[in-house]
PDB file of N, CA and C in Angstrom:
ATOM      1  N   MET A   1     121.641  97.310  87.985  1.00  0.00           N
ATOM      2  CA  MET A   1     121.695  97.464  89.426  1.00  0.00           C
ATOM      3  C   MET A   1     120.359  97.970  89.954  1.00  0.00           C
ATOM      4  N   PHE A   2     119.679  98.820  89.164  1.00  0.00           N
ATOM      5  CA  PHE A   2     118.416  99.399  89.637  1.00  0.00           C
ATOM      6  C   PHE A   2     117.362  98.319  89.854  1.00  0.00           C
ATOM      7  N   ASN A   3     117.220  97.380  88.894  1.00  0.00           N
ATOM      8  CA  ASN A   3     116.217  96.334  89.045  1.00  0.00           C
ATOM      9  C   ASN A   3     116.510  95.448  90.238  1.00  0.00           C
ATOM     10  N   MET A   4     117.782  95.105  90.421  1.00  0.00           N
ATOM     11  CA  MET A   4     118.151  94.268  91.548  1.00  0.00           C
ATOM     12  C   MET A   4     117.805  94.973  92.857  1.00  0.00           C
ATOM     13  N   CYS A   5     118.105  96.265  92.919  1.00  0.00           N
ATOM     14  CA  CYS A   5     117.817  97.014  94.140  1.00  0.00           C
ATOM     15  C   CYS A   5     116.323  97.145  94.354  1.00  0.00           C
ATOM     16  N   GLY A   6     115.555  97.273  93.281  1.00  0.00           N
ATOM     17  CA  GLY A   6     114.109  97.342  93.410  1.00  0.00           C
ATOM     18  C   GLY A   6     113.571  96.098  94.067  1.00  0.00           C
ATOM     19  N   LYS A   7     114.132  94.971  93.708  1.00  0.00           N
ATOM     20  CA  LYS A   7     113.731  93.700  94.295  1.00  0.00           C
ATOM     21  C   LYS A   7     114.061  93.689  95.785  1.00  0.00           C
ATOM     22  N   TYR A   8     115.267  94.147  96.115  1.00  0.00           N
ATOM     23  CA  TYR A   8     115.674  94.155  97.511  1.00  0.00           C
ATOM     24  C   TYR A   8     114.891  95.153  98.344  1.00  0.00           C
ATOM     25  N   SER A   9     114.492  96.263  97.749  1.00  0.00           N
ATOM     26  CA  SER A   9     113.795  97.271  98.545  1.00  0.00           C
ATOM     27  C   SER A   9     112.482  96.741  99.083  1.00  0.00           C
ATOM     28  N   THR A  10     111.824  95.871  98.345  1.00  0.00           N
ATOM     29  CA  THR A  10     110.593  95.270  98.820  1.00  0.00           C
ATOM     30  C   THR A  10     110.869  94.393 100.031  1.00  0.00           C
ATOM     31  N   LEU A  11     111.972  93.677  99.985  1.00  0.00           N
ATOM     32  CA  LEU A  11     112.303  92.766 101.067  1.00  0.00           C
ATOM     33  C   LEU A  11     112.769  93.480 102.322  1.00  0.00           C
ATOM     34  N   ILE A  12     113.459  94.584 102.151  1.00  0.00           N
ATOM     35  CA  ILE A  12     114.036  95.242 103.323  1.00  0.00           C
ATOM     36  C   ILE A  12     113.599  96.701 103.444  1.00  0.00           C
ATOM     37  N   ARG A  13     112.363  96.969 103.044  1.00  0.00           N
ATOM     38  CA  ARG A  13     111.877  98.347 103.077  1.00  0.00           C
ATOM     39  C   ARG A  13     112.066  98.980 104.450  1.00  0.00           C
ATOM     40  N   SER A  14     111.824  98.223 105.509  1.00  0.00           N
ATOM     41  CA  SER A  14     111.924  98.797 106.847  1.00  0.00           C
ATOM     42  C   SER A  14     113.372  99.055 107.255  1.00  0.00           C
ATOM     43  N   SER A  15     114.326  98.400 106.609  1.00  0.00           N
ATOM     44  CA  SER A  15     115.724  98.603 106.986  1.00  0.00           C
ATOM     45  C   SER A  15     116.516  99.180 105.812  1.00  0.00           C
ATOM     46  N   PHE A  16     115.905 100.106 105.113  1.00  0.00           N
ATOM     47  CA  PHE A  16     116.476 100.713 103.922  1.00  0.00           C
ATOM     48  C   PHE A  16     117.829 101.360 104.209  1.00  0.00           C
ATOM     49  N   GLU A  17     117.976 101.955 105.371  1.00  0.00           N
ATOM     50  CA  GLU A  17     119.209 102.661 105.697  1.00  0.00           C
ATOM     51  C   GLU A  17     120.169 101.853 106.554  1.00  0.00           C
ATOM     52  N   CYS A  18     119.736 100.710 107.077  1.00  0.00           N
ATOM     53  CA  CYS A  18     120.628  99.987 107.990  1.00  0.00           C
ATOM     54  C   CYS A  18     121.007  98.593 107.512  1.00  0.00           C
ATOM     55  N   SER A  19     120.496  98.140 106.372  1.00  0.00           N
ATOM     56  CA  SER A  19     120.896  96.835 105.837  1.00  0.00           C
ATOM     57  C   SER A  19     122.043  97.022 104.858  1.00  0.00           C
ATOM     58  N   LYS A  20     123.169  96.423 105.183  1.00  0.00           N
ATOM     59  CA  LYS A  20     124.349  96.538 104.331  1.00  0.00           C
ATOM     60  C   LYS A  20     124.112  95.778 103.027  1.00  0.00           C
ATOM     61  N   THR A  21     124.373  96.440 101.894  1.00  0.00           N
ATOM     62  CA  THR A  21     124.221  95.845 100.579  1.00  0.00           C
ATOM     63  C   THR A  21     125.541  95.260 100.095  1.00  0.00           C
ATOM     64  N   GLY A  22     126.645  95.861 100.515  1.00  0.00           N
ATOM     65  CA  GLY A  22     127.964  95.411 100.086  1.00  0.00           C
ATOM     66  C   GLY A  22     129.026  96.317 100.658  1.00  0.00           C
ATOM     67  N   THR A  23     130.220  96.222 100.095  1.00  0.00           N
ATOM     68  CA  THR A  23     131.316  97.103 100.507  1.00  0.00           C
ATOM     69  C   THR A  23     131.996  97.649  99.263  1.00  0.00           C
ATOM     70  N   ASP A  24     132.553  98.831  99.393  1.00  0.00           N
ATOM     71  CA  ASP A  24     133.281  99.408  98.269  1.00  0.00           C
ATOM     72  C   ASP A  24     134.727  98.903  98.302  1.00  0.00           C
ATOM     73  N   PRO A  25     135.544  99.250  97.295  1.00  0.00           N
ATOM     74  CA  PRO A  25     136.926  98.741  97.240  1.00  0.00           C
ATOM     75  C   PRO A  25     137.778  99.107  98.451  1.00  0.00           C
ATOM     76  N   THR A  26     137.392 100.156  99.174  1.00  0.00           N
ATOM     77  CA  THR A  26     138.172 100.549 100.350  1.00  0.00           C
ATOM     78  C   THR A  26     137.677  99.873 101.621  1.00  0.00           C
ATOM     79  N   GLY A  27     136.629  99.051 101.504  1.00  0.00           N
ATOM     80  CA  GLY A  27     136.105  98.345 102.674  1.00  0.00           C
ATOM     81  C   GLY A  27     134.966  99.066 103.370  1.00  0.00           C
ATOM     82  N   LYS A  28     134.577 100.233 102.863  1.00  0.00           N
ATOM     83  CA  LYS A  28     133.472 100.984 103.470  1.00  0.00           C
ATOM     84  C   LYS A  28     132.146 100.285 103.149  1.00  0.00           C
ATOM     85  N   ASN A  29     131.283 100.174 104.147  1.00  0.00           N
ATOM     86  CA  ASN A  29     129.972  99.563 103.942  1.00  0.00           C
ATOM     87  C   ASN A  29     129.121 100.400 103.001  1.00  0.00           C
ATOM     88  N   ILE A  30     128.388  99.718 102.126  1.00  0.00           N
ATOM     89  CA  ILE A  30     127.462 100.387 101.212  1.00  0.00           C
ATOM     90  C   ILE A  30     126.067  99.928 101.573  1.00  0.00           C
ATOM     91  N   TYR A  31     125.173 100.888 101.714  1.00  0.00           N
ATOM     92  CA  TYR A  31     123.782 100.604 102.061  1.00  0.00           C
ATOM     93  C   TYR A  31     122.902 100.916 100.863  1.00  0.00           C
ATOM     94  N   LEU A  32     121.729 100.329 100.840  1.00  0.00           N
ATOM     95  CA  LEU A  32     120.825 100.507  99.712  1.00  0.00           C
ATOM     96  C   LEU A  32     120.519 101.981  99.470  1.00  0.00           C
ATOM     97  N   ASN A  33     120.334 102.746 100.525  1.00  0.00           N
ATOM     98  CA  ASN A  33     120.031 104.164 100.332  1.00  0.00           C
ATOM     99  C   ASN A  33     121.212 104.939  99.737  1.00  0.00           C
ATOM    100  N   ASP A  34     122.433 104.372  99.789  1.00  0.00           N
ATOM    101  CA  ASP A  34     123.591 105.020  99.171  1.00  0.00           C
ATOM    102  C   ASP A  34     123.552 104.930  97.646  1.00  0.00           C
ATOM    103  N   ILE A  35     122.968 103.863  97.134  1.00  0.00           N
ATOM    104  CA  ILE A  35     122.973 103.647  95.684  1.00  0.00           C
ATOM    105  C   ILE A  35     121.608 103.828  95.046  1.00  0.00           C
ATOM    106  N   TRP A  36     120.567 103.990  95.832  1.00  0.00           N
ATOM    107  CA  TRP A  36     119.206 104.128  95.313  1.00  0.00           C
ATOM    108  C   TRP A  36     119.060 105.466  94.599  1.00  0.00           C
ATOM    109  N   PRO A  37     118.597 105.475  93.345  1.00  0.00           N
ATOM    110  CA  PRO A  37     118.461 106.756  92.632  1.00  0.00           C
ATOM    111  C   PRO A  37     117.276 107.567  93.172  1.00  0.00           C
ATOM    112  N   SER A  38     117.426 108.860  93.084  1.00  0.00           N
ATOM    113  CA  SER A  38     116.316 109.736  93.484  1.00  0.00           C
ATOM    114  C   SER A  38     115.258 109.712  92.381  1.00  0.00           C
ATOM    115  N   ARG A  39     114.077 110.189  92.678  1.00  0.00           N
ATOM    116  CA  ARG A  39     113.019 110.249  91.664  1.00  0.00           C
ATOM    117  C   ARG A  39     113.446 111.141  90.504  1.00  0.00           C
ATOM    118  N   GLU A  40     114.191 112.194  90.808  1.00  0.00           N
ATOM    119  CA  GLU A  40     114.682 113.098  89.765  1.00  0.00           C
ATOM    120  C   GLU A  40     115.654 112.378  88.825  1.00  0.00           C
ATOM    121  N   GLU A  41     116.545 111.542  89.397  1.00  0.00           N
ATOM    122  CA  GLU A  41     117.485 110.794  88.566  1.00  0.00           C
ATOM    123  C   GLU A  41     116.755 109.793  87.666  1.00  0.00           C
ATOM    124  N   VAL A  42     115.746 109.132  88.205  1.00  0.00           N
ATOM    125  CA  VAL A  42     114.962 108.192  87.406  1.00  0.00           C
ATOM    126  C   VAL A  42     114.246 108.945  86.290  1.00  0.00           C
ATOM    127  N   HIS A  43     113.666 110.086  86.621  1.00  0.00           N
ATOM    128  CA  HIS A  43     112.959 110.886  85.621  1.00  0.00           C
ATOM    129  C   HIS A  43     113.914 111.332  84.507  1.00  0.00           C
ATOM    130  N   GLN A  44     115.126 111.728  84.868  1.00  0.00           N
ATOM    131  CA  GLN A  44     116.107 112.157  83.871  1.00  0.00           C
ATOM    132  C   GLN A  44     116.444 111.012  82.910  1.00  0.00           C
ATOM    133  N   VAL A  45     116.633 109.815  83.431  1.00  0.00           N
ATOM    134  CA  VAL A  45     116.923 108.658  82.581  1.00  0.00           C
ATOM    135  C   VAL A  45     115.738 108.367  81.669  1.00  0.00           C
ATOM    136  N   GLU A  46     114.533 108.456  82.228  1.00  0.00           N
ATOM    137  CA  GLU A  46     113.338 108.247  81.407  1.00  0.00           C
ATOM    138  C   GLU A  46     113.272 109.261  80.275  1.00  0.00           C
ATOM    139  N   GLU A  47     113.537 110.508  80.583  1.00  0.00           N
ATOM    140  CA  GLU A  47     113.487 111.562  79.566  1.00  0.00           C
ATOM    141  C   GLU A  47     114.533 111.345  78.474  1.00  0.00           C
ATOM    142  N   GLU A  48     115.706 110.861  78.856  1.00  0.00           N
ATOM    143  CA  GLU A  48     116.795 110.685  77.902  1.00  0.00           C
ATOM    144  C   GLU A  48     116.679 109.410  77.066  1.00  0.00           C
ATOM    145  N   HIS A  49     116.094 108.353  77.629  1.00  0.00           N
ATOM    146  CA  HIS A  49     116.180 107.052  76.973  1.00  0.00           C
ATOM    147  C   HIS A  49     114.856 106.416  76.573  1.00  0.00           C
ATOM    148  N   VAL A  50     113.766 106.803  77.190  1.00  0.00           N
ATOM    149  CA  VAL A  50     112.480 106.213  76.829  1.00  0.00           C
ATOM    150  C   VAL A  50     111.876 107.056  75.718  1.00  0.00           C
ATOM    151  N   ILE A  51     111.563 106.414  74.612  1.00  0.00           N
ATOM    152  CA  ILE A  51     111.050 107.128  73.443  1.00  0.00           C
ATOM    153  C   ILE A  51     109.529 107.025  73.451  1.00  0.00           C
ATOM    154  N   LEU A  52     108.888 108.135  73.703  1.00  0.00           N
ATOM    155  CA  LEU A  52     107.441 108.170  73.816  1.00  0.00           C
ATOM    156  C   LEU A  52     106.751 107.677  72.554  1.00  0.00           C
ATOM    157  N   SER A  53     107.347 107.959  71.396  1.00  0.00           N
ATOM    158  CA  SER A  53     106.713 107.538  70.135  1.00  0.00           C
ATOM    159  C   SER A  53     106.571 106.021  70.049  1.00  0.00           C
ATOM    160  N   MET A  54     107.475 105.279  70.711  1.00  0.00           N
ATOM    161  CA  MET A  54     107.369 103.819  70.717  1.00  0.00           C
ATOM    162  C   MET A  54     106.044 103.398  71.358  1.00  0.00           C
ATOM    163  N   PHE A  55     105.693 104.034  72.430  1.00  0.00           N
ATOM    164  CA  PHE A  55     104.476 103.674  73.143  1.00  0.00           C
ATOM    165  C   PHE A  55     103.235 104.155  72.401  1.00  0.00           C
ATOM    166  N   LYS A  56     103.342 105.299  71.737  1.00  0.00           N
ATOM    167  CA  LYS A  56     102.208 105.784  70.950  1.00  0.00           C
ATOM    168  C   LYS A  56     101.907 104.828  69.799  1.00  0.00           C
ATOM    169  N   ALA A  57     102.949 104.370  69.109  1.00  0.00           N
ATOM    170  CA  ALA A  57     102.758 103.442  67.989  1.00  0.00           C
ATOM    171  C   ALA A  57     102.170 102.122  68.478  1.00  0.00           C
ATOM    172  N   LEU A  58     102.649 101.637  69.607  1.00  0.00           N
ATOM    173  CA  LEU A  58     102.134 100.392  70.165  1.00  0.00           C
ATOM    174  C   LEU A  58     100.669 100.544  70.563  1.00  0.00           C
ATOM    175  N   LYS A  59     100.339 101.664  71.160  1.00  0.00           N
ATOM    176  CA  LYS A  59      98.950 101.917  71.566  1.00  0.00           C
ATOM    177  C   LYS A  59      98.037 101.950  70.339  1.00  0.00           C
ATOM    178  N   GLU A  60      98.489 102.587  69.269  1.00  0.00           N
ATOM    179  CA  GLU A  60      97.686 102.645  68.043  1.00  0.00           C
ATOM    180  C   GLU A  60      97.469 101.250  67.458  1.00  0.00           C
ATOM    181  N   LYS A  61      98.508 100.426  67.458  1.00  0.00           N
ATOM    182  CA  LYS A  61      98.379  99.059  66.949  1.00  0.00           C
ATOM    183  C   LYS A  61      97.364  98.267  67.762  1.00  0.00           C
ATOM    184  N   ILE A  62      97.418  98.431  69.065  1.00  0.00           N
ATOM    185  CA  ILE A  62      96.501  97.702  69.939  1.00  0.00           C
ATOM    186  C   ILE A  62      95.069  98.171  69.722  1.00  0.00           C
ATOM    187  N   GLU A  63      94.889  99.477  69.622  1.00  0.00           N
ATOM    188  CA  GLU A  63      93.539 100.033  69.505  1.00  0.00           C
ATOM    189  C   GLU A  63      92.905  99.771  68.145  1.00  0.00           C
ATOM    190  N   THR A  64      93.697  99.696  67.090  1.00  0.00           N
ATOM    191  CA  THR A  64      93.130  99.544  65.745  1.00  0.00           C
ATOM    192  C   THR A  64      93.072  98.094  65.277  1.00  0.00           C
ATOM    193  N   LYS A  65      93.614  97.186  66.037  1.00  0.00           N
ATOM    194  CA  LYS A  65      93.625  95.779  65.637  1.00  0.00           C
ATOM    195  C   LYS A  65      92.223  95.185  65.740  1.00  0.00           C
ATOM    196  N   GLU A  66      91.867  94.432  64.722  1.00  0.00           N
ATOM    197  CA  GLU A  66      90.580  93.741  64.738  1.00  0.00           C
ATOM    198  C   GLU A  66      90.623  92.608  65.757  1.00  0.00           C
ATOM    199  N   PRO A  67      89.584  92.472  66.535  1.00  0.00           N
ATOM    200  CA  PRO A  67      89.592  91.360  67.500  1.00  0.00           C
ATOM    201  C   PRO A  67      89.574  90.015  66.785  1.00  0.00           C
ATOM    202  N   VAL A  68      90.295  89.073  67.324  1.00  0.00           N
ATOM    203  CA  VAL A  68      90.372  87.737  66.738  1.00  0.00           C
ATOM    204  C   VAL A  68      89.175  86.930  67.221  1.00  0.00           C
ATOM    205  N   ALA A  69      88.484  86.322  66.279  1.00  0.00           N
ATOM    206  CA  ALA A  69      87.330  85.502  66.637  1.00  0.00           C
ATOM    207  C   ALA A  69      87.801  84.230  67.322  1.00  0.00           C
ATOM    208  N   LEU A  70      87.109  83.839  68.352  1.00  0.00           N
ATOM    209  CA  LEU A  70      87.449  82.611  69.048  1.00  0.00           C
ATOM    210  C   LEU A  70      87.113  81.414  68.177  1.00  0.00           C
ATOM    211  N   GLN A  71      87.973  80.432  68.228  1.00  0.00           N
ATOM    212  CA  GLN A  71      87.764  79.218  67.452  1.00  0.00           C
ATOM    213  C   GLN A  71      87.587  78.056  68.418  1.00  0.00           C
ATOM    214  N   SER A  72      86.758  77.119  68.039  1.00  0.00           N
ATOM    215  CA  SER A  72      86.552  75.969  68.909  1.00  0.00           C
ATOM    216  C   SER A  72      87.736  75.017  68.791  1.00  0.00           C
ATOM    217  N   LEU A  73      88.014  74.323  69.875  1.00  0.00           N
ATOM    218  CA  LEU A  73      89.079  73.334  69.890  1.00  0.00           C
ATOM    219  C   LEU A  73      88.460  71.948  69.823  1.00  0.00           C
ATOM    220  N   GLU A  74      89.037  71.124  69.005  1.00  0.00           N
ATOM    221  CA  GLU A  74      88.558  69.748  68.896  1.00  0.00           C
ATOM    222  C   GLU A  74      89.709  68.801  69.199  1.00  0.00           C
ATOM    223  N   ASN A  75      89.396  67.715  69.858  1.00  0.00           N
ATOM    224  CA  ASN A  75      90.378  66.691  70.206  1.00  0.00           C
ATOM    225  C   ASN A  75      91.530  67.243  71.045  1.00  0.00           C
ATOM    226  N   ALA A  76      91.254  68.229  71.863  1.00  0.00           N
ATOM    227  CA  ALA A  76      92.272  68.797  72.744  1.00  0.00           C
ATOM    228  C   ALA A  76      92.314  68.003  74.046  1.00  0.00           C
ATOM    229  N   HIS A  77      93.484  67.881  74.610  1.00  0.00           N
ATOM    230  CA  HIS A  77      93.661  67.154  75.859  1.00  0.00           C
ATOM    231  C   HIS A  77      94.433  68.023  76.838  1.00  0.00           C
ATOM    232  N   VAL A  78      94.149  67.874  78.108  1.00  0.00           N
ATOM    233  CA  VAL A  78      94.864  68.598  79.150  1.00  0.00           C
ATOM    234  C   VAL A  78      96.258  68.009  79.271  1.00  0.00           C
ATOM    235  N   LEU A  79      97.271  68.860  79.174  1.00  0.00           N
ATOM    236  CA  LEU A  79      98.644  68.391  79.327  1.00  0.00           C
ATOM    237  C   LEU A  79      99.011  68.323  80.808  1.00  0.00           C
ATOM    238  N   LEU A  80      98.725  69.392  81.528  1.00  0.00           N
ATOM    239  CA  LEU A  80      98.971  69.440  82.970  1.00  0.00           C
ATOM    240  C   LEU A  80      97.816  70.170  83.637  1.00  0.00           C
ATOM    241  N   TYR A  81      97.334  69.623  84.721  1.00  0.00           N
ATOM    242  CA  TYR A  81      96.292  70.282  85.506  1.00  0.00           C
ATOM    243  C   TYR A  81      96.875  70.462  86.899  1.00  0.00           C
ATOM    244  N   LEU A  82      97.307  71.697  87.187  1.00  0.00           N
ATOM    245  CA  LEU A  82      98.067  71.957  88.404  1.00  0.00           C
ATOM    246  C   LEU A  82      97.354  72.963  89.289  1.00  0.00           C
ATOM    247  N   GLY A  83      97.675  72.930  90.555  1.00  0.00           N
ATOM    248  CA  GLY A  83      97.101  73.869  91.508  1.00  0.00           C
ATOM    249  C   GLY A  83      97.717  75.248  91.378  1.00  0.00           C
ATOM    250  N   ASP A  84      97.179  76.204  92.114  1.00  0.00           N
ATOM    251  CA  ASP A  84      97.636  77.596  92.054  1.00  0.00           C
ATOM    252  C   ASP A  84      99.055  77.785  92.567  1.00  0.00           C
ATOM    253  N   SER A  85      99.544  76.860  93.388  1.00  0.00           N
ATOM    254  CA  SER A  85     100.870  77.045  93.973  1.00  0.00           C
ATOM    255  C   SER A  85     101.999  76.600  93.040  1.00  0.00           C
ATOM    256  N   VAL A  86     101.675  76.032  91.889  1.00  0.00           N
ATOM    257  CA  VAL A  86     102.702  75.594  90.945  1.00  0.00           C
ATOM    258  C   VAL A  86     102.907  76.682  89.902  1.00  0.00           C
ATOM    259  N   THR A  87     104.166  77.089  89.723  1.00  0.00           N
ATOM    260  CA  THR A  87     104.492  78.133  88.747  1.00  0.00           C
ATOM    261  C   THR A  87     105.283  77.523  87.596  1.00  0.00           C
ATOM    262  N   THR A  88     105.536  78.329  86.584  1.00  0.00           N
ATOM    263  CA  THR A  88     106.315  77.839  85.443  1.00  0.00           C
ATOM    264  C   THR A  88     107.729  77.475  85.860  1.00  0.00           C
ATOM    265  N   ASP A  89     108.226  78.065  86.949  1.00  0.00           N
ATOM    266  CA  ASP A  89     109.559  77.698  87.431  1.00  0.00           C
ATOM    267  C   ASP A  89     109.608  76.230  87.840  1.00  0.00           C
ATOM    268  N   HIS A  90     108.483  75.697  88.291  1.00  0.00           N
ATOM    269  CA  HIS A  90     108.442  74.310  88.729  1.00  0.00           C
ATOM    270  C   HIS A  90     108.404  73.328  87.555  1.00  0.00           C
ATOM    271  N   ILE A  91     107.874  73.740  86.421  1.00  0.00           N
ATOM    272  CA  ILE A  91     107.670  72.800  85.326  1.00  0.00           C
ATOM    273  C   ILE A  91     108.566  73.045  84.122  1.00  0.00           C
ATOM    274  N   SER A  92     109.289  74.138  84.087  1.00  0.00           N
ATOM    275  CA  SER A  92     110.158  74.436  82.950  1.00  0.00           C
ATOM    276  C   SER A  92     111.534  73.825  83.168  1.00  0.00           C
ATOM    277  N   PRO A  93     112.115  73.239  82.125  1.00  0.00           N
ATOM    278  CA  PRO A  93     113.477  72.720  82.292  1.00  0.00           C
ATOM    279  C   PRO A  93     114.453  73.875  82.478  1.00  0.00           C
ATOM    280  N   ALA A  94     115.408  73.688  83.357  1.00  0.00           N
ATOM    281  CA  ALA A  94     116.382  74.742  83.639  1.00  0.00           C
ATOM    282  C   ALA A  94     117.473  74.817  82.589  1.00  0.00           C
ATOM    283  N   GLY A  95     117.626  73.789  81.798  1.00  0.00           N
ATOM    284  CA  GLY A  95     118.672  73.773  80.784  1.00  0.00           C
ATOM    285  C   GLY A  95     118.195  73.004  79.573  1.00  0.00           C
ATOM    286  N   SER A  96     119.150  72.558  78.784  1.00  0.00           N
ATOM    287  CA  SER A  96     118.787  71.806  77.584  1.00  0.00           C
ATOM    288  C   SER A  96     118.392  70.376  77.962  1.00  0.00           C
ATOM    289  N   ILE A  97     117.643  69.750  77.095  1.00  0.00           N
ATOM    290  CA  ILE A  97     117.219  68.370  77.304  1.00  0.00           C
ATOM    291  C   ILE A  97     118.259  67.463  76.659  1.00  0.00           C
ATOM    292  N   ALA A  98     118.824  66.567  77.447  1.00  0.00           N
ATOM    293  CA  ALA A  98     119.844  65.651  76.930  1.00  0.00           C
ATOM    294  C   ALA A  98     119.232  64.745  75.859  1.00  0.00           C
ATOM    295  N   LYS A  99     119.965  64.529  74.779  1.00  0.00           N
ATOM    296  CA  LYS A  99     119.438  63.749  73.656  1.00  0.00           C
ATOM    297  C   LYS A  99     119.109  62.304  74.012  1.00  0.00           C
ATOM    298  N   ASN A 100     119.749  61.754  75.024  1.00  0.00           N
ATOM    299  CA  ASN A 100     119.484  60.367  75.390  1.00  0.00           C
ATOM    300  C   ASN A 100     118.558  60.241  76.608  1.00  0.00           C
ATOM    301  N   SER A 101     117.924  61.332  76.999  1.00  0.00           N
ATOM    302  CA  SER A 101     117.030  61.306  78.163  1.00  0.00           C
ATOM    303  C   SER A 101     115.654  60.776  77.769  1.00  0.00           C
ATOM    304  N   ALA A 102     114.890  60.396  78.781  1.00  0.00           N
ATOM    305  CA  ALA A 102     113.527  59.910  78.548  1.00  0.00           C
ATOM    306  C   ALA A 102     112.668  61.002  77.912  1.00  0.00           C
ATOM    307  N   ALA A 103     112.873  62.239  78.332  1.00  0.00           N
ATOM    308  CA  ALA A 103     112.091  63.351  77.770  1.00  0.00           C
ATOM    309  C   ALA A 103     112.384  63.512  76.286  1.00  0.00           C
ATOM    310  N   ALA A 104     113.653  63.408  75.900  1.00  0.00           N
ATOM    311  CA  ALA A 104     114.020  63.542  74.490  1.00  0.00           C
ATOM    312  C   ALA A 104     113.419  62.414  73.669  1.00  0.00           C
ATOM    313  N   LYS A 105     113.493  61.196  74.190  1.00  0.00           N
ATOM    314  CA  LYS A 105     112.917  60.049  73.473  1.00  0.00           C
ATOM    315  C   LYS A 105     111.412  60.222  73.295  1.00  0.00           C
ATOM    316  N   TYR A 106     110.758  60.687  74.339  1.00  0.00           N
ATOM    317  CA  TYR A 106     109.315  60.922  74.275  1.00  0.00           C
ATOM    318  C   TYR A 106     108.992  61.937  73.175  1.00  0.00           C
ATOM    319  N   LEU A 107     109.712  63.053  73.159  1.00  0.00           N
ATOM    320  CA  LEU A 107     109.470  64.101  72.166  1.00  0.00           C
ATOM    321  C   LEU A 107     109.795  63.620  70.755  1.00  0.00           C
ATOM    322  N   MET A 108     110.897  62.884  70.603  1.00  0.00           N
ATOM    323  CA  MET A 108     111.275  62.386  69.271  1.00  0.00           C
ATOM    324  C   MET A 108     110.256  61.385  68.745  1.00  0.00           C
ATOM    325  N   ASN A 109     109.763  60.500  69.615  1.00  0.00           N
ATOM    326  CA  ASN A 109     108.768  59.502  69.188  1.00  0.00           C
ATOM    327  C   ASN A 109     107.482  60.147  68.708  1.00  0.00           C
ATOM    328  N   ARG A 110     107.213  61.343  69.149  1.00  0.00           N
ATOM    329  CA  ARG A 110     105.990  62.035  68.753  1.00  0.00           C
ATOM    330  C   ARG A 110     106.237  63.108  67.691  1.00  0.00           C
ATOM    331  N   GLY A 111     107.486  63.169  67.196  1.00  0.00           N
ATOM    332  CA  GLY A 111     107.805  64.089  66.117  1.00  0.00           C
ATOM    333  C   GLY A 111     107.949  65.540  66.522  1.00  0.00           C
ATOM    334  N   PHE A 112     108.159  65.802  67.825  1.00  0.00           N
ATOM    335  CA  PHE A 112     108.290  67.170  68.304  1.00  0.00           C
ATOM    336  C   PHE A 112     109.724  67.636  68.419  1.00  0.00           C
ATOM    337  N   TRP A 113     110.660  66.747  68.218  1.00  0.00           N
ATOM    338  CA  TRP A 113     112.067  67.119  68.399  1.00  0.00           C
ATOM    339  C   TRP A 113     112.880  66.470  67.317  1.00  0.00           C
ATOM    340  N   GLY A 114     113.804  67.219  66.744  1.00  0.00           N
ATOM    341  CA  GLY A 114     114.621  66.727  65.640  1.00  0.00           C
ATOM    342  C   GLY A 114     115.476  65.542  66.022  1.00  0.00           C
ATOM    343  N   THR A 115     115.877  64.795  65.036  1.00  0.00           N
ATOM    344  CA  THR A 115     116.712  63.615  65.277  1.00  0.00           C
ATOM    345  C   THR A 115     118.171  63.935  65.228  1.00  0.00           C
TER     346      THR A 115
END
């Protein structure tokens, strides 16, 4: 619920107290400020559930890792050259690829998809 509300707070920041988010089982209106956690509540959850050692270990791995040398690419081709307004949502399939579709046939003919 917190992430969803975070998304909504950006959209309705100016109407935080007057935009109805929903209703409770008794029919009473619920507003975002009714369910929004205080900074203290967020801090308490962080203290109880976020393990600082996880981040320390990750930081050490990042800092001590040897940089990977860049390698040249040969015979590479551009798959898609798109403008800034196109996102992965526009080009990613929303579901599975049907086995009898043109996309499946294309992938199978090139050995990228099982038979």
